[in-house]
Amino acid sequence: MAAKTDENTPLTAKQEAFVNFYMQYFDATKSAIKAGYSSKHANRAGTRLLKQVNVAKRLRDLQDELAENLGMSRQMQIDKLNEIYNRRKPQAADRMKLKIIEMQNKMLGFDTPKPPEEKNLFKIVEIPIPTEPYRGAREVDE
């Protein structure tokens, strides 16, 4: 069984290669093969790598850096989509623009939700226990 990892666990050379190839191809299977993982199990390896906390964090960091360098944001992408959606007459180029926006979103990681900040998902609630029987209750004969 693999050792537990967290965001701060350094990537192995293979994991770093996977992340770099993923930023180039945006395909987990192809990236796993290029990074040196078995082509026989590349699909599973790619999926597993994308779920690893430290790999996902490194990928998010690179995507955020790329978005910043390009001067792009999620809101800008939403605005572009709204502009196309709100046109009265669709234009032939709209299909191509939508495909480009889709590719940009994938490249910048905008197509996946950001991981939630750690919060306490459970709230302890005190439930009062009645000391007297419910007024509308009927006694049951046994």
C-alpha atoms as a PDB file:
ATOM      1  CA  MET A   1       0.000   0.000   0.000  1.00  0.00           C
ATOM      2  CA  ALA A   2       1.274   3.466  -0.898  1.00  0.00           C
ATOM      3  CA  ALA A   3       2.275   5.885   1.827  1.00  0.00           C
ATOM      4  CA  LYS A   4      -0.196   8.604   2.752  1.00  0.00           C
ATOM      5  CA  THR A   5       0.509  11.922   1.081  1.00  0.00           C
ATOM      6  CA  ASP A   6      -0.592  15.450   1.749  1.00  0.00           C
ATOM      7  CA  GLU A   7      -0.250  18.702  -0.182  1.00  0.00           C
ATOM      8  CA  ASN A   8       3.288  19.225   1.075  1.00  0.00           C
ATOM      9  CA  THR A   9       4.624  15.789   0.145  1.00  0.00           C
ATOM     10  CA  PRO A  10       7.231  16.345  -2.582  1.00  0.00           C
ATOM     11  CA  LEU A  11       6.471  14.837  -5.967  1.00  0.00           C
ATOM     12  CA  THR A  12       8.580  12.008  -7.285  1.00  0.00           C
ATOM     13  CA  ALA A  13      10.357  12.555 -10.591  1.00  0.00           C
ATOM     14  CA  LYS A  14       7.676  10.471 -12.343  1.00  0.00           C
ATOM     15  CA  GLN A  15       4.861  12.440 -10.747  1.00  0.00           C
ATOM     16  CA  GLU A  16       6.482  15.740 -11.726  1.00  0.00           C
ATOM     17  CA  ALA A  17       6.884  14.445 -15.288  1.00  0.00           C
ATOM     18  CA  PHE A  18       3.200  13.419 -15.291  1.00  0.00           C
ATOM     19  CA  VAL A  19       2.139  16.915 -14.188  1.00  0.00           C
ATOM     20  CA  ASN A  20       4.288  18.566 -16.868  1.00  0.00           C
ATOM     21  CA  PHE A  21       2.942  16.281 -19.596  1.00  0.00           C
ATOM     22  CA  TYR A  22      -0.617  16.820 -18.332  1.00  0.00           C
ATOM     23  CA  MET A  23      -0.143  20.578 -18.702  1.00  0.00           C
ATOM     24  CA  GLN A  24       0.927  19.899 -22.286  1.00  0.00           C
ATOM     25  CA  TYR A  25      -1.656  17.258 -23.370  1.00  0.00           C
ATOM     26  CA  PHE A  26      -4.539  17.587 -20.845  1.00  0.00           C
ATOM     27  CA  ASP A  27      -4.968  13.829 -21.116  1.00  0.00           C
ATOM     28  CA  ALA A  28      -4.232  11.736 -18.021  1.00  0.00           C
ATOM     29  CA  THR A  29      -3.626   8.460 -19.883  1.00  0.00           C
ATOM     30  CA  LYS A  30      -1.279   9.951 -22.472  1.00  0.00           C
ATOM     31  CA  SER A  31       0.543  11.920 -19.765  1.00  0.00           C
ATOM     32  CA  ALA A  32       1.024   8.806 -17.633  1.00  0.00           C
ATOM     33  CA  ILE A  33       2.526   6.914 -20.578  1.00  0.00           C
ATOM     34  CA  LYS A  34       4.827   9.831 -21.475  1.00  0.00           C
ATOM     35  CA  ALA A  35       5.915  10.062 -17.814  1.00  0.00           C
ATOM     36  CA  GLY A  36       7.025   6.429 -17.834  1.00  0.00           C
ATOM     37  CA  TYR A  37       4.062   4.601 -16.317  1.00  0.00           C
ATOM     38  CA  SER A  38       3.028   1.263 -17.854  1.00  0.00           C
ATOM     39  CA  SER A  39       0.934   1.746 -20.984  1.00  0.00           C
ATOM     40  CA  LYS A  40      -1.054  -1.332 -19.946  1.00  0.00           C
ATOM     41  CA  HIS A  41      -2.310   0.437 -16.799  1.00  0.00           C
ATOM     42  CA  ALA A  42      -1.879   4.081 -17.853  1.00  0.00           C
ATOM     43  CA  ASN A  43      -5.592   4.838 -17.653  1.00  0.00           C
ATOM     44  CA  ARG A  44      -5.745   3.799 -13.996  1.00  0.00           C
ATOM     45  CA  ALA A  45      -2.396   5.411 -13.202  1.00  0.00           C
ATOM     46  CA  GLY A  46      -3.455   8.741 -14.705  1.00  0.00           C
ATOM     47  CA  THR A  47      -6.744   8.764 -12.823  1.00  0.00           C
ATOM     48  CA  ARG A  48      -5.012   7.783  -9.583  1.00  0.00           C
ATOM     49  CA  LEU A  49      -2.370  10.488 -10.007  1.00  0.00           C
ATOM     50  CA  LEU A  50      -4.962  13.222 -10.591  1.00  0.00           C
ATOM     51  CA  LYS A  51      -6.637  12.224  -7.306  1.00  0.00           C
ATOM     52  CA  GLN A  52      -3.434  12.356  -5.250  1.00  0.00           C
ATOM     53  CA  VAL A  53      -3.473  15.477  -3.103  1.00  0.00           C
ATOM     54  CA  ASN A  54       0.126  16.528  -3.768  1.00  0.00           C
ATOM     55  CA  VAL A  55      -0.149  15.963  -7.540  1.00  0.00           C
ATOM     56  CA  ALA A  56      -3.478  17.816  -7.707  1.00  0.00           C
ATOM     57  CA  LYS A  57      -2.022  20.741  -5.750  1.00  0.00           C
ATOM     58  CA  ARG A  58       1.015  20.982  -8.048  1.00  0.00           C
ATOM     59  CA  LEU A  59      -1.275  20.901 -11.071  1.00  0.00           C
ATOM     60  CA  ARG A  60      -3.521  23.622  -9.592  1.00  0.00           C
ATOM     61  CA  ASP A  61      -0.460  25.755  -8.811  1.00  0.00           C
ATOM     62  CA  LEU A  62       0.772  25.500 -12.415  1.00  0.00           C
ATOM     63  CA  GLN A  63      -2.705  26.219 -13.792  1.00  0.00           C
ATOM     64  CA  ASP A  64      -3.106  29.248 -11.508  1.00  0.00           C
ATOM     65  CA  GLU A  65       0.317  30.519 -12.560  1.00  0.00           C
ATOM     66  CA  LEU A  66      -0.567  30.079 -16.228  1.00  0.00           C
ATOM     67  CA  ALA A  67      -3.911  31.855 -15.783  1.00  0.00           C
ATOM     68  CA  GLU A  68      -2.175  34.740 -14.024  1.00  0.00           C
ATOM     69  CA  ASN A  69       0.479  34.990 -16.749  1.00  0.00           C
ATOM     70  CA  LEU A  70      -2.245  35.051 -19.412  1.00  0.00           C
ATOM     71  CA  GLY A  71      -4.302  37.536 -17.426  1.00  0.00           C
ATOM     72  CA  MET A  72      -7.341  35.268 -17.444  1.00  0.00           C
ATOM     73  CA  SER A  73      -9.907  34.452 -14.788  1.00  0.00           C
ATOM     74  CA  ARG A  74     -12.987  32.279 -14.384  1.00  0.00           C
ATOM     75  CA  GLN A  75     -15.131  35.416 -14.550  1.00  0.00           C
ATOM     76  CA  MET A  76     -13.611  36.410 -17.899  1.00  0.00           C
ATOM     77  CA  GLN A  77     -14.489  32.975 -19.290  1.00  0.00           C
ATOM     78  CA  ILE A  78     -18.043  33.261 -17.958  1.00  0.00           C
ATOM     79  CA  ASP A  79     -18.365  36.702 -19.567  1.00  0.00           C
ATOM     80  CA  LYS A  80     -17.228  35.300 -22.935  1.00  0.00           C
ATOM     81  CA  LEU A  81     -19.791  32.498 -22.707  1.00  0.00           C
ATOM     82  CA  ASN A  82     -22.553  34.937 -21.763  1.00  0.00           C
ATOM     83  CA  GLU A  83     -21.697  37.143 -24.721  1.00  0.00           C
ATOM     84  CA  ILE A  84     -22.069  34.221 -27.120  1.00  0.00           C
ATOM     85  CA  TYR A  85     -25.223  32.984 -25.370  1.00  0.00           C
ATOM     86  CA  ASN A  86     -26.934  36.383 -25.462  1.00  0.00           C
ATOM     87  CA  ARG A  87     -26.527  36.953 -29.212  1.00  0.00           C
ATOM     88  CA  ARG A  88     -29.794  37.092 -31.069  1.00  0.00           C
ATOM     89  CA  LYS A  89     -28.424  35.391 -34.161  1.00  0.00           C
ATOM     90  CA  PRO A  90     -25.774  32.736 -33.614  1.00  0.00           C
ATOM     91  CA  GLN A  91     -22.757  33.229 -35.812  1.00  0.00           C
ATOM     92  CA  ALA A  92     -20.857  30.467 -37.558  1.00  0.00           C
ATOM     93  CA  ALA A  93     -17.725  31.334 -35.599  1.00  0.00           C
ATOM     94  CA  ASP A  94     -19.531  30.828 -32.268  1.00  0.00           C
ATOM     95  CA  ARG A  95     -19.039  27.053 -32.366  1.00  0.00           C
ATOM     96  CA  MET A  96     -15.282  27.555 -32.787  1.00  0.00           C
ATOM     97  CA  LYS A  97     -15.215  30.186 -30.027  1.00  0.00           C
ATOM     98  CA  LEU A  98     -17.020  27.803 -27.674  1.00  0.00           C
ATOM     99  CA  LYS A  99     -14.490  25.070 -28.434  1.00  0.00           C
ATOM    100  CA  ILE A 100     -11.603  27.489 -27.751  1.00  0.00           C
ATOM    101  CA  ILE A 101     -13.174  28.571 -24.454  1.00  0.00           C
ATOM    102  CA  GLU A 102     -13.648  24.910 -23.514  1.00  0.00           C
ATOM    103  CA  MET A 103      -9.980  24.199 -24.262  1.00  0.00           C
ATOM    104  CA  GLN A 104      -8.855  27.271 -22.305  1.00  0.00           C
ATOM    105  CA  ASN A 105     -10.968  26.231 -19.323  1.00  0.00           C
ATOM    106  CA  LYS A 106      -9.406  22.774 -19.320  1.00  0.00           C
ATOM    107  CA  MET A 107      -5.908  24.179 -19.726  1.00  0.00           C
ATOM    108  CA  LEU A 108      -6.361  26.596 -16.828  1.00  0.00           C
ATOM    109  CA  GLY A 109      -8.210  24.155 -14.597  1.00  0.00           C
ATOM    110  CA  PHE A 110     -11.401  26.205 -14.729  1.00  0.00           C
ATOM    111  CA  ASP A 111     -13.391  23.118 -15.725  1.00  0.00           C
ATOM    112  CA  THR A 112     -12.872  21.491 -12.338  1.00  0.00           C
ATOM    113  CA  PRO A 113     -14.085  22.837  -9.030  1.00  0.00           C
ATOM    114  CA  LYS A 114     -11.519  24.074  -6.582  1.00  0.00           C
ATOM    115  CA  PRO A 115     -11.197  21.736  -3.617  1.00  0.00           C
ATOM    116  CA  PRO A 116     -13.225  22.941  -0.675  1.00  0.00           C
ATOM    117  CA  GLU A 117     -11.433  24.494   2.223  1.00  0.00           C
ATOM    118  CA  GLU A 118     -11.262  22.127   5.122  1.00  0.00           C
ATOM    119  CA  LYS A 119     -14.209  22.684   7.376  1.00  0.00           C
ATOM    120  CA  ASN A 120     -15.785  20.742  10.150  1.00  0.00           C
ATOM    121  CA  LEU A 121     -18.594  19.055   8.235  1.00  0.00           C
ATOM    122  CA  PHE A 122     -20.384  17.898  11.358  1.00  0.00           C
ATOM    123  CA  LYS A 123     -22.091  20.083  13.882  1.00  0.00           C
ATOM    124  CA  ILE A 124     -22.857  18.768  17.310  1.00  0.00           C
ATOM    125  CA  VAL A 125     -26.411  19.616  18.226  1.00  0.00           C
ATOM    126  CA  GLU A 126     -27.956  19.110  21.627  1.00  0.00           C
ATOM    127  CA  ILE A 127     -31.355  17.503  21.442  1.00  0.00           C
ATOM    128  CA  PRO A 128     -33.492  18.023  24.514  1.00  0.00           C
ATOM    129  CA  ILE A 129     -34.899  14.826  25.945  1.00  0.00           C
ATOM    130  CA  PRO A 130     -38.443  15.286  27.189  1.00  0.00           C
ATOM    131  CA  THR A 131     -38.950  14.458  30.846  1.00  0.00           C
ATOM    132  CA  GLU A 132     -42.738  14.263  30.611  1.00  0.00           C
ATOM    133  CA  PRO A 133     -44.803  12.245  28.146  1.00  0.00           C
ATOM    134  CA  TYR A 134     -46.158  13.983  25.077  1.00  0.00           C
ATOM    135  CA  ARG A 135     -49.561  15.515  25.874  1.00  0.00           C
ATOM    136  CA  GLY A 136     -51.317  14.057  22.847  1.00  0.00           C
ATOM    137  CA  ALA A 137     -49.911  10.570  23.376  1.00  0.00           C
ATOM    138  CA  ARG A 138     -52.277   7.745  24.152  1.00  0.00           C
ATOM    139  CA  GLU A 139     -51.394   4.953  26.475  1.00  0.00           C
ATOM    140  CA  VAL A 140     -50.993   1.635  24.729  1.00  0.00           C
ATOM    141  CA  ASP A 141     -52.470  -1.516  26.278  1.00  0.00           C
ATOM    142  CA  GLU A 142     -50.070  -4.425  26.213  1.00  0.00           C
END
